[in-house]
Structures are given as C-alpha cells and as structure tokens.
C-alpha atoms as a PDB file:
ATOM      1  CA  MET A   1      18.033   1.738  -5.027  1.00  0.00           C
ATOM      2  CA  SER A   2      21.002  -0.305  -5.010  1.00  0.00           C
ATOM      3  CA  VAL A   3      20.932  -3.891  -5.862  1.00  0.00           C
ATOM      4  CA  GLU A   4      21.988  -4.969  -2.316  1.00  0.00           C
ATOM      5  CA  THR A   5      19.279  -3.074  -0.754  1.00  0.00           C
ATOM      6  CA  ALA A   6      16.675  -4.554  -3.350  1.00  0.00           C
ATOM      7  CA  ARG A   7      17.851  -7.927  -2.497  1.00  0.00           C
ATOM      8  CA  GLU A   8      17.471  -7.338   1.312  1.00  0.00           C
ATOM      9  CA  LEU A   9      13.981  -5.638   0.717  1.00  0.00           C
ATOM     10  CA  SER A  10      12.908  -8.888  -1.401  1.00  0.00           C
ATOM     11  CA  ARG A  11      13.718 -11.244   1.252  1.00  0.00           C
ATOM     12  CA  LYS A  12      11.874  -9.298   3.954  1.00  0.00           C
ATOM     13  CA  ILE A  13       8.794  -8.655   1.637  1.00  0.00           C
ATOM     14  CA  ASN A  14       8.737 -12.484   0.955  1.00  0.00           C
ATOM     15  CA  VAL A  15       8.782 -13.054   4.767  1.00  0.00           C
ATOM     16  CA  LEU A  16       5.918 -10.683   4.915  1.00  0.00           C
ATOM     17  CA  PHE A  17       4.117 -12.640   2.282  1.00  0.00           C
ATOM     18  CA  TRP A  18       4.393 -16.049   4.055  1.00  0.00           C
ATOM     19  CA  VAL A  19       3.520 -14.501   7.550  1.00  0.00           C
ATOM     20  CA  SER A  20       0.322 -13.026   5.790  1.00  0.00           C
ATOM     21  CA  VAL A  21      -0.708 -16.436   4.479  1.00  0.00           C
ATOM     22  CA  ILE A  22      -0.264 -17.880   7.861  1.00  0.00           C
ATOM     23  CA  MET A  23      -2.453 -15.127   9.275  1.00  0.00           C
ATOM     24  CA  VAL A  24      -5.125 -15.697   7.058  1.00  0.00           C
ATOM     25  CA  ILE A  25      -5.231 -19.418   7.982  1.00  0.00           C
ATOM     26  CA  ALA A  26      -5.103 -18.424  11.583  1.00  0.00           C
ATOM     27  CA  ASN A  27      -7.985 -16.095  11.277  1.00  0.00           C
ATOM     28  CA  VAL A  28     -10.098 -18.759   9.638  1.00  0.00           C
ATOM     29  CA  LEU A  29      -9.300 -21.044  12.580  1.00  0.00           C
ATOM     30  CA  SER A  30     -10.169 -18.522  15.107  1.00  0.00           C
ATOM     31  CA  GLU A  31     -13.757 -18.224  13.666  1.00  0.00           C
ATOM     32  CA  ASP A  32     -16.647 -19.376  15.685  1.00  0.00           C
ATOM     33  CA  PHE A  33     -18.082 -21.801  13.186  1.00  0.00           C
ATOM     34  CA  VAL A  34     -14.604 -23.462  12.469  1.00  0.00           C
ATOM     35  CA  ASN A  35     -14.114 -23.727  16.378  1.00  0.00           C
ATOM     36  CA  GLU A  36     -17.512 -25.522  16.690  1.00  0.00           C
ATOM     37  CA  ILE A  37     -16.102 -28.179  14.170  1.00  0.00           C
ATOM     38  CA  ILE A  38     -12.626 -28.747  15.188  1.00  0.00           C
ATOM     39  CA  GLY A  39     -12.027 -26.468  18.243  1.00  0.00           C
ATOM     40  CA  PHE A  40      -9.048 -24.732  16.994  1.00  0.00           C
ATOM     41  CA  SER A  41     -10.239 -21.338  18.042  1.00  0.00           C
ATOM     42  CA  PHE A  42      -7.546 -20.729  20.924  1.00  0.00           C
ATOM     43  CA  ALA A  43      -4.577 -21.988  18.702  1.00  0.00           C
ATOM     44  CA  GLY A  44      -5.907 -19.841  16.007  1.00  0.00           C
ATOM     45  CA  ASN A  45      -5.972 -16.737  18.166  1.00  0.00           C
ATOM     46  CA  ILE A  46      -2.395 -17.410  19.415  1.00  0.00           C
ATOM     47  CA  ALA A  47      -1.037 -18.056  15.753  1.00  0.00           C
ATOM     48  CA  ALA A  48      -2.676 -14.675  14.667  1.00  0.00           C
ATOM     49  CA  ALA A  49      -1.093 -12.602  17.695  1.00  0.00           C
ATOM     50  CA  VAL A  50       2.201 -14.132  16.946  1.00  0.00           C
ATOM     51  CA  CYS A  51       1.927 -13.308  13.317  1.00  0.00           C
ATOM     52  CA  ASP A  52       0.959  -9.697  14.104  1.00  0.00           C
ATOM     53  CA  ILE A  53       4.133  -9.115  16.171  1.00  0.00           C
ATOM     54  CA  VAL A  54       6.342 -10.795  13.624  1.00  0.00           C
ATOM     55  CA  TYR A  55       4.705  -8.687  10.894  1.00  0.00           C
ATOM     56  CA  ALA A  56       5.347  -5.526  12.903  1.00  0.00           C
ATOM     57  CA  VAL A  57       8.933  -6.357  13.698  1.00  0.00           C
ATOM     58  CA  ILE A  58       9.724  -6.978   9.938  1.00  0.00           C
ATOM     59  CA  LEU A  59       7.963  -3.669   8.974  1.00  0.00           C
ATOM     60  CA  ILE A  60       9.994  -1.608  11.561  1.00  0.00           C
ATOM     61  CA  GLN A  61      13.310  -3.507  10.302  1.00  0.00           C
ATOM     62  CA  ILE A  62      12.764  -2.238   6.909  1.00  0.00           C
ATOM     63  CA  GLY A  63      11.735   1.206   8.029  1.00  0.00           C
ATOM     64  CA  GLY A  64      15.348   2.442   6.989  1.00  0.00           C
ATOM     65  CA  ILE A  65      14.563   2.003   3.222  1.00  0.00           C
ATOM     66  CA  ASN A  66      11.144   3.632   3.668  1.00  0.00           C
ATOM     67  CA  GLY A  67       9.833   5.614   6.841  1.00  0.00           C
ATOM     68  CA  ASN A  68       6.119   4.486   6.088  1.00  0.00           C
ATOM     69  CA  TYR A  69       7.076   0.949   6.983  1.00  0.00           C
ATOM     70  CA  ARG A  70       8.398   1.899  10.420  1.00  0.00           C
ATOM     71  CA  LYS A  71       5.116   3.979  11.040  1.00  0.00           C
ATOM     72  CA  SER A  72       2.975   0.871   9.841  1.00  0.00           C
ATOM     73  CA  GLY A  73       5.201  -1.573  12.254  1.00  0.00           C
ATOM     74  CA  ILE A  74       4.676   0.797  15.331  1.00  0.00           C
ATOM     75  CA  ALA A  75       1.011   0.978  14.730  1.00  0.00           C
ATOM     76  CA  SER A  76       0.769  -2.837  14.562  1.00  0.00           C
ATOM     77  CA  LEU A  77       2.556  -3.088  17.734  1.00  0.00           C
ATOM     78  CA  ALA A  78       0.138  -0.516  19.322  1.00  0.00           C
ATOM     79  CA  ILE A  79      -2.723  -2.407  18.170  1.00  0.00           C
ATOM     80  CA  GLY A  80      -1.372  -5.568  19.791  1.00  0.00           C
ATOM     81  CA  ALA A  81      -0.927  -3.740  23.013  1.00  0.00           C
ATOM     82  CA  LEU A  82      -4.407  -2.402  22.903  1.00  0.00           C
ATOM     83  CA  GLY A  83      -5.669  -5.843  22.309  1.00  0.00           C
ATOM     84  CA  ILE A  84      -3.948  -7.276  25.282  1.00  0.00           C
ATOM     85  CA  LEU A  85      -5.265  -4.256  27.379  1.00  0.00           C
ATOM     86  CA  SER A  86      -8.888  -5.130  26.123  1.00  0.00           C
ATOM     87  CA  LEU A  87      -8.592  -8.708  27.201  1.00  0.00           C
ATOM     88  CA  LEU A  88      -7.462  -7.799  30.625  1.00  0.00           C
ATOM     89  CA  ILE A  89     -10.256  -5.350  31.083  1.00  0.00           C
ATOM     90  CA  ALA A  90     -12.838  -7.713  29.614  1.00  0.00           C
ATOM     91  CA  GLY A  91     -11.727  -9.983  32.496  1.00  0.00           C
ATOM     92  CA  VAL A  92     -13.370  -7.755  34.996  1.00  0.00           C
ATOM     93  CA  SER A  93     -16.440  -8.930  36.311  1.00  0.00           C
ATOM     94  CA  ILE A  94     -19.145  -7.258  34.129  1.00  0.00           C
ATOM     95  CA  SER A  95     -22.133  -6.523  36.423  1.00  0.00           C
ATOM     96  CA  GLY A  96     -23.899  -2.987  37.430  1.00  0.00           C
ATOM     97  CA  GLU A  97     -22.220   0.235  36.978  1.00  0.00           C
ATOM     98  CA  LEU A  98     -18.783  -1.352  36.694  1.00  0.00           C
ATOM     99  CA  GLY A  99     -20.143  -3.579  33.896  1.00  0.00           C
ATOM    100  CA  LEU A 100     -21.352  -0.584  31.876  1.00  0.00           C
ATOM    101  CA  LEU A 101     -17.936   1.300  32.548  1.00  0.00           C
ATOM    102  CA  VAL A 102     -15.937  -1.807  31.297  1.00  0.00           C
ATOM    103  CA  MET A 103     -18.218  -2.024  28.183  1.00  0.00           C
ATOM    104  CA  PHE A 104     -17.735   1.599  27.502  1.00  0.00           C
ATOM    105  CA  ILE A 105     -13.837   1.215  27.796  1.00  0.00           C
ATOM    106  CA  ILE A 106     -13.731  -1.928  25.698  1.00  0.00           C
ATOM    107  CA  MET A 107     -15.714   0.127  22.815  1.00  0.00           C
ATOM    108  CA  ALA A 108     -13.517   3.003  22.967  1.00  0.00           C
ATOM    109  CA  ILE A 109     -10.456   0.762  22.470  1.00  0.00           C
ATOM    110  CA  ALA A 110     -12.076  -1.062  19.545  1.00  0.00           C
ATOM    111  CA  ILE A 111     -12.590   2.449  17.925  1.00  0.00           C
ATOM    112  CA  VAL A 112      -9.037   3.419  18.604  1.00  0.00           C
ATOM    113  CA  VAL A 113      -7.733   0.017  17.329  1.00  0.00           C
ATOM    114  CA  LEU A 114      -9.778   0.685  14.166  1.00  0.00           C
ATOM    115  CA  VAL A 115      -8.358   4.145  13.588  1.00  0.00           C
ATOM    116  CA  ILE A 116      -4.791   2.969  14.139  1.00  0.00           C
ATOM    117  CA  GLY A 117      -5.314  -0.221  12.078  1.00  0.00           C
ATOM    118  CA  ILE A 118      -6.426   2.044   9.134  1.00  0.00           C
ATOM    119  CA  TYR A 119      -3.605   4.339   9.407  1.00  0.00           C
ATOM    120  CA  GLY A 120      -1.043   1.388   9.654  1.00  0.00           C
ATOM    121  CA  ILE A 121      -2.370  -0.152   6.602  1.00  0.00           C
ATOM    122  CA  TYR A 122      -2.089   3.033   4.763  1.00  0.00           C
ATOM    123  CA  CYS A 123       1.338   3.586   5.737  1.00  0.00           C
ATOM    124  CA  GLU A 124       2.236   0.070   4.545  1.00  0.00           C
ATOM    125  CA  TYR A 125       0.703   0.572   1.367  1.00  0.00           C
ATOM    126  CA  LYS A 126       2.235   3.703   0.713  1.00  0.00           C
ATOM    127  CA  GLY A 127       5.565   2.487   1.593  1.00  0.00           C
ATOM    128  CA  HIS A 128       5.256  -0.342  -1.170  1.00  0.00           C
ATOM    129  CA  SER A 129       3.900   2.276  -3.598  1.00  0.00           C
ATOM    130  CA  GLU A 130       6.906   4.771  -2.846  1.00  0.00           C
ATOM    131  CA  VAL A 131       9.552   1.961  -2.975  1.00  0.00           C
ATOM    132  CA  LEU A 132       8.253   0.861  -6.449  1.00  0.00           C
ATOM    133  CA  GLU A 133       7.357   4.336  -7.900  1.00  0.00           C
ATOM    134  CA  SER A 134      10.934   4.799  -9.652  1.00  0.00           C
ATOM    135  CA  LEU A 135      11.174   1.232 -10.419  1.00  0.00           C
ATOM    136  CA  ASP A 136       7.869   0.044 -11.664  1.00  0.00           C
ATOM    137  CA  LYS A 137       5.147   2.516 -12.018  1.00  0.00           C
ATOM    138  CA  LYS A 138       2.577   0.110 -12.683  1.00  0.00           C
ATOM    139  CA  GLN A 139       3.195  -1.885  -9.708  1.00  0.00           C
ATOM    140  CA  SER A 140       3.120   1.456  -7.516  1.00  0.00           C
ATOM    141  CA  GLU A 141      -0.174   2.641  -8.948  1.00  0.00           C
ATOM    142  CA  ALA A 142      -1.600  -0.860  -8.132  1.00  0.00           C
ATOM    143  CA  TRP A 143      -0.785  -0.569  -4.482  1.00  0.00           C
ATOM    144  CA  GLU A 144      -2.326   2.888  -4.359  1.00  0.00           C
ATOM    145  CA  LYS A 145      -5.576   1.484  -5.869  1.00  0.00           C
ATOM    146  CA  LEU A 146      -5.574  -1.405  -3.399  1.00  0.00           C
ATOM    147  CA  TRP A 147      -5.622   1.141  -0.631  1.00  0.00           C
ATOM    148  CA  LYS A 148      -8.657   2.809  -2.163  1.00  0.00           C
ATOM    149  CA  TRP A 149     -10.343  -0.633  -2.190  1.00  0.00           C
ATOM    150  CA  ASN A 150      -9.463  -1.384   1.539  1.00  0.00           C
ATOM    151  CA  ILE A 151     -11.095   1.980   2.453  1.00  0.00           C
ATOM    152  CA  ALA A 152     -14.133   1.022   0.404  1.00  0.00           C
ATOM    153  CA  GLY A 153     -14.665  -2.142   2.345  1.00  0.00           C
ATOM    154  CA  TYR A 154     -14.207  -0.315   5.643  1.00  0.00           C
ATOM    155  CA  ALA A 155     -16.524   2.289   4.505  1.00  0.00           C
ATOM    156  CA  CYS A 156     -19.438  -0.358   3.686  1.00  0.00           C
ATOM    157  CA  MET A 157     -18.882  -2.123   7.071  1.00  0.00           C
ATOM    158  CA  ALA A 158     -19.357   1.318   8.848  1.00  0.00           C
ATOM    159  CA  CYS A 159     -22.604   1.949   6.823  1.00  0.00           C
ATOM    160  CA  GLY A 160     -23.756  -1.403   7.981  1.00  0.00           C
ATOM    161  CA  MET A 161     -23.293  -0.381  11.374  1.00  0.00           C
ATOM    162  CA  ILE A 162     -24.866   3.062  10.822  1.00  0.00           C
ATOM    163  CA  PHE A 163     -27.978   1.594   8.941  1.00  0.00           C
ATOM    164  CA  VAL A 164     -28.824  -1.143  11.340  1.00  0.00           C
ATOM    165  CA  THR A 165     -30.980   1.288  13.081  1.00  0.00           C
ATOM    166  CA  LEU A 166     -32.914   2.186   9.969  1.00  0.00           C
ATOM    167  CA  SER A 167     -32.989  -0.977   8.080  1.00  0.00           C
ATOM    168  CA  VAL A 168     -31.828  -4.404   9.018  1.00  0.00           C
ATOM    169  CA  ILE A 169     -31.685  -5.702   5.378  1.00  0.00           C
ATOM    170  CA  LEU A 170     -29.597  -2.556   4.213  1.00  0.00           C
ATOM    171  CA  ALA A 171     -27.414  -2.969   7.055  1.00  0.00           C
ATOM    172  CA  LEU A 172     -26.712  -6.630   6.296  1.00  0.00           C
ATOM    173  CA  ILE A 173     -26.188  -5.824   2.578  1.00  0.00           C
ATOM    174  CA  CYS A 174     -23.505  -3.192   3.430  1.00  0.00           C
ATOM    175  CA  ALA A 175     -21.999  -5.366   6.017  1.00  0.00           C
ATOM    176  CA  PHE A 176     -21.859  -8.307   3.288  1.00  0.00           C
ATOM    177  CA  ALA A 177     -20.247  -5.989   0.672  1.00  0.00           C
ATOM    178  CA  GLY A 178     -17.709  -4.613   3.119  1.00  0.00           C
ATOM    179  CA  ALA A 179     -16.684  -8.200   4.060  1.00  0.00           C
ATOM    180  CA  VAL A 180     -16.405  -9.486   0.385  1.00  0.00           C
ATOM    181  CA  ILE A 181     -14.482  -6.380  -0.503  1.00  0.00           C
ATOM    182  CA  THR A 182     -11.963  -6.865   2.383  1.00  0.00           C
ATOM    183  CA  PHE A 183     -11.731 -10.442   1.801  1.00  0.00           C
ATOM    184  CA  VAL A 184     -10.708  -9.763  -1.875  1.00  0.00           C
ATOM    185  CA  VAL A 185      -8.447  -7.237  -0.926  1.00  0.00           C
ATOM    186  CA  GLY A 186      -6.672  -9.412   1.460  1.00  0.00           C
ATOM    187  CA  ILE A 187      -6.226 -12.117  -1.502  1.00  0.00           C
ATOM    188  CA  VAL A 188      -4.943  -9.320  -4.021  1.00  0.00           C
ATOM    189  CA  LYS A 189      -2.714  -8.357  -1.290  1.00  0.00           C
ATOM    190  CA  LEU A 190      -0.909 -11.632  -0.909  1.00  0.00           C
ATOM    191  CA  VAL A 191      -0.452 -11.478  -4.727  1.00  0.00           C
ATOM    192  CA  TYR A 192       1.034  -8.229  -4.620  1.00  0.00           C
ATOM    193  CA  LEU A 193       3.547  -8.980  -2.073  1.00  0.00           C
ATOM    194  CA  HIS A 194       4.767 -12.173  -3.920  1.00  0.00           C
ATOM    195  CA  ARG A 195       4.937 -10.140  -7.068  1.00  0.00           C
ATOM    196  CA  MET A 196       6.878  -7.324  -5.387  1.00  0.00           C
ATOM    197  CA  ALA A 197       9.308  -9.932  -3.916  1.00  0.00           C
ATOM    198  CA  ALA A 198       9.968 -11.378  -7.152  1.00  0.00           C
ATOM    199  CA  PHE A 199      10.350  -8.148  -8.955  1.00  0.00           C
ATOM    200  CA  LEU A 200      12.953  -6.826  -6.426  1.00  0.00           C
ATOM    201  CA  ASN A 201      14.725 -10.201  -6.249  1.00  0.00           C
ATOM    202  CA  GLY A 202      15.345  -9.842 -10.172  1.00  0.00           C
ATOM    203  CA  TYR A 203      16.140  -6.032  -9.769  1.00  0.00           C
ATOM    204  CA  ASP A 204      19.641  -5.408 -11.565  1.00  0.00           C
ATOM    205  CA  GLY A 205      20.036  -1.632 -10.986  1.00  0.00           C
ATOM    206  CA  THR A 206      19.061  -0.731 -14.462  1.00  0.00           C
ATOM    207  CA  VAL A 207      15.136  -0.025 -14.246  1.00  0.00           C
ATOM    208  CA  SER A 208      15.557   3.560 -12.657  1.00  0.00           C
ATOM    209  CA  GLU A 209      18.169   4.438 -15.215  1.00  0.00           C
ATOM    210  CA  ARG A 210      15.360   3.637 -17.817  1.00  0.00           C
ATOM    211  CA  ALA A 211      12.659   5.309 -16.327  1.00  0.00           C
ATOM    212  CA  ALA A 212      14.954   8.606 -15.867  1.00  0.00           C
ATOM    213  CA  SER A 213      15.560   8.599 -19.692  1.00  0.00           C
ATOM    214  CA  GLU A 214      11.857   8.815 -20.222  1.00  0.00           C
ATOM    215  CA  THR A 215      11.042  11.790 -17.932  1.00  0.00           C
ATOM    216  CA  PRO A 216       9.709  15.027 -19.713  1.00  0.00           C
ATOM    217  CA  ALA A 217      12.769  16.621 -19.109  1.00  0.00           C
ATOM    218  CA  GLY A 218      14.650  14.196 -21.373  1.00  0.00           C
ATOM    219  CA  ALA A 219      11.928  14.506 -23.959  1.00  0.00           C
ATOM    220  CA  ALA A 220      12.339  18.128 -24.064  1.00  0.00           C
ATOM    221  CA  GLN A 221      15.921  17.962 -24.481  1.00  0.00           C
ATOM    222  CA  THR A 222      15.591  15.400 -27.532  1.00  0.00           C
ATOM    223  CA  SER A 223      13.137  17.836 -29.393  1.00  0.00           C
ATOM    224  CA  TYR A 224      15.441  20.534 -28.934  1.00  0.00           C
ATOM    225  CA  VAL A 225      18.567  18.821 -30.307  1.00  0.00           C
ATOM    226  CA  TYR A 226      16.434  17.598 -33.622  1.00  0.00           C
ATOM    227  CA  ALA A 227      14.691  21.110 -34.084  1.00  0.00           C
ATOM    228  CA  LYS A 228      14.876  22.305 -37.577  1.00  0.00           C
ATOM    229  CA  PRO A 229      15.369  25.908 -38.306  1.00  0.00           C
ATOM    230  CA  VAL A 230      12.144  27.828 -39.907  1.00  0.00           C
ATOM    231  CA  LYS A 231      12.479  29.865 -42.921  1.00  0.00           C
ATOM    232  CA  ALA A 232      10.953  33.492 -42.647  1.00  0.00           C
ATOM    233  CA  PRO A 233       7.856  34.079 -44.908  1.00  0.00           C
ATOM    234  CA  GLY A 234       9.821  36.775 -46.824  1.00  0.00           C
ATOM    235  CA  ASP A 235      12.454  34.155 -47.794  1.00  0.00           C
ATOM    236  CA  GLU A 236       9.853  31.838 -49.718  1.00  0.00           C
ATOM    237  CA  GLU A 237       8.420  34.740 -51.528  1.00  0.00           C
ATOM    238  CA  THR A 238      11.442  36.471 -52.757  1.00  0.00           C
ATOM    239  CA  GLY A 239      13.649  33.637 -52.998  1.00  0.00           C
ATOM    240  CA  LYS A 240      15.974  35.523 -50.656  1.00  0.00           C
ATOM    241  CA  GLY A 241      17.007  34.682 -47.083  1.00  0.00           C
ATOM    242  CA  ASN A 242      19.302  32.720 -45.215  1.00  0.00           C
ATOM    243  CA  ASP A 243      20.694  30.767 -48.386  1.00  0.00           C
ATOM    244  CA  THR A 244      21.365  33.947 -50.056  1.00  0.00           C
ATOM    245  CA  ASP A 245      23.147  35.641 -47.030  1.00  0.00           C
ATOM    246  CA  GLU A 246      24.946  32.260 -46.489  1.00  0.00           C
ATOM    247  CA  GLY A 247      26.172  32.687 -50.102  1.00  0.00           C
ATOM    248  CA  ASP A 248      27.010  36.211 -49.885  1.00  0.00           C
ATOM    249  CA  GLY A 249      28.889  35.503 -46.775  1.00  0.00           C
ATOM    250  CA  GLU A 250      30.984  32.856 -48.580  1.00  0.00           C
ATOM    251  CA  LYS A 251      31.686  35.012 -51.527  1.00  0.00           C
ATOM    252  CA  GLY A 252      32.979  37.793 -49.195  1.00  0.00           C
ATOM    253  CA  LEU A 253      35.104  35.286 -47.576  1.00  0.00           C
ATOM    254  CA  GLN A 254      36.638  34.140 -50.960  1.00  0.00           C
END
C-alpha cells in the first residue's frame, strides 16, 4: 500500500468513526424510554437514517482499495431501501386478511434485512482485516475476532427468540446476553476504527517491507546462507577427510 493510499484511507476511516459515534447517539435518542423523557425519537430516527446513508457511501468510495468495502456499502444501502419499503407497507391499514398479509410481508422484510445486515458487517470487518494484514497482523486478527463476537451476539438473540416458547426466563437471559455482547462489540468497533485511522495516518511505507523480511521464505534463506558443513563419520575416526583431501590437493597444485 502506498503512503498516499494509506492517508486517503485514514481520512475515510476517521469519518466512519465519527459517523459511528453519531449513530450510537441517534440510536439512543430513538429508544422509547428516551422518547418518553425528552421526546427526541423522530429526530433520532432521522439522524440514524442519514448516518446509515453516509456510512454506506463512504464504504463504497473506498471499495477501490478493498472490494469488501463496496459490498458492505451496497448491503447498507439495500437495508435502507428495505427499511423505507417496510415503513410504506406498514402505513397500509392493518385489518382483517389484509392486516395479516401486511404483517407477514413486514416480518419477511425484517428477516431479509437481518441477513443482509450480517453479510454487510462481515464484509466491512473482512475489509479492515485484509487491508491491515500486511501492515499490522495484530490489528488484522483483532478485526477477525471482533466479527466472531458479533456473530455470538446475534446467535444469543436468535436463541432468545427460539427459547421464548420453551422458557421465558431462558429467553430473557439469552436476549440480555446478546444485547450486552452487541453493545460491547459496538464500543470496541469505535476503538478499532480510531486506532486504524491513526495507524494509517502514520504509515510511512516501511511496515510491509519489514513484514516481508520476516516471512518463512526469508528465514529459510538465512539458514541456508549460514549453514555449516558436517564432517562424515569416517573423517572423525581416521583423522582423514576433507582436510586431508584439501591438503593433498594443495600439494598437488604446488
């Protein structure tokens, strides 16, 4: 990666960081209990929608650096379009058979949105990991681990919905665990984005060269250069061998 590309990516990642911070605040403002206190639910929803669009556009812009970013951005735009469609459908009068059909369509859209959302998150985290793979292995692996924790959070919430028919208490425990994991992952993601932006901003083009010199191929070559010849067993017993042969050769030349 060139220094210019690293600087550009650093600026974009920094914007993603601040957009993510605003998204967290907007999501909090859109919660029902917050709306009952200060009445900012509508403003929170609008801010969250705008942030989603901005986030998706930025991901698409840096798609030239890594194709996974573009996939994640397109997935985010698709989620936004499906969300608008869901709101329009929900505006239909829910009564009788039409009401059941509308509810079924909304549930189907919600499932599709969940699947696309998971895929979009995977592509974004994969993009971060691949970009950093040759620059900072530790940060690259951190993004991979964060993705696994993200899946764990979704799995807990899914178990909560499944267990609700078996045990309400067990369902609540799973849902609470999933919510906590998802919240923590969101905070850690902010930390990783900020750290990645700072790292790329200070990139001077020498990291990848140092990483290349530490590859197994380089190590094998070093071992070959400094390898020492091993004497044959017969040489040690008789005192004859390479030294004698070399000496005879020298005498012959003289």
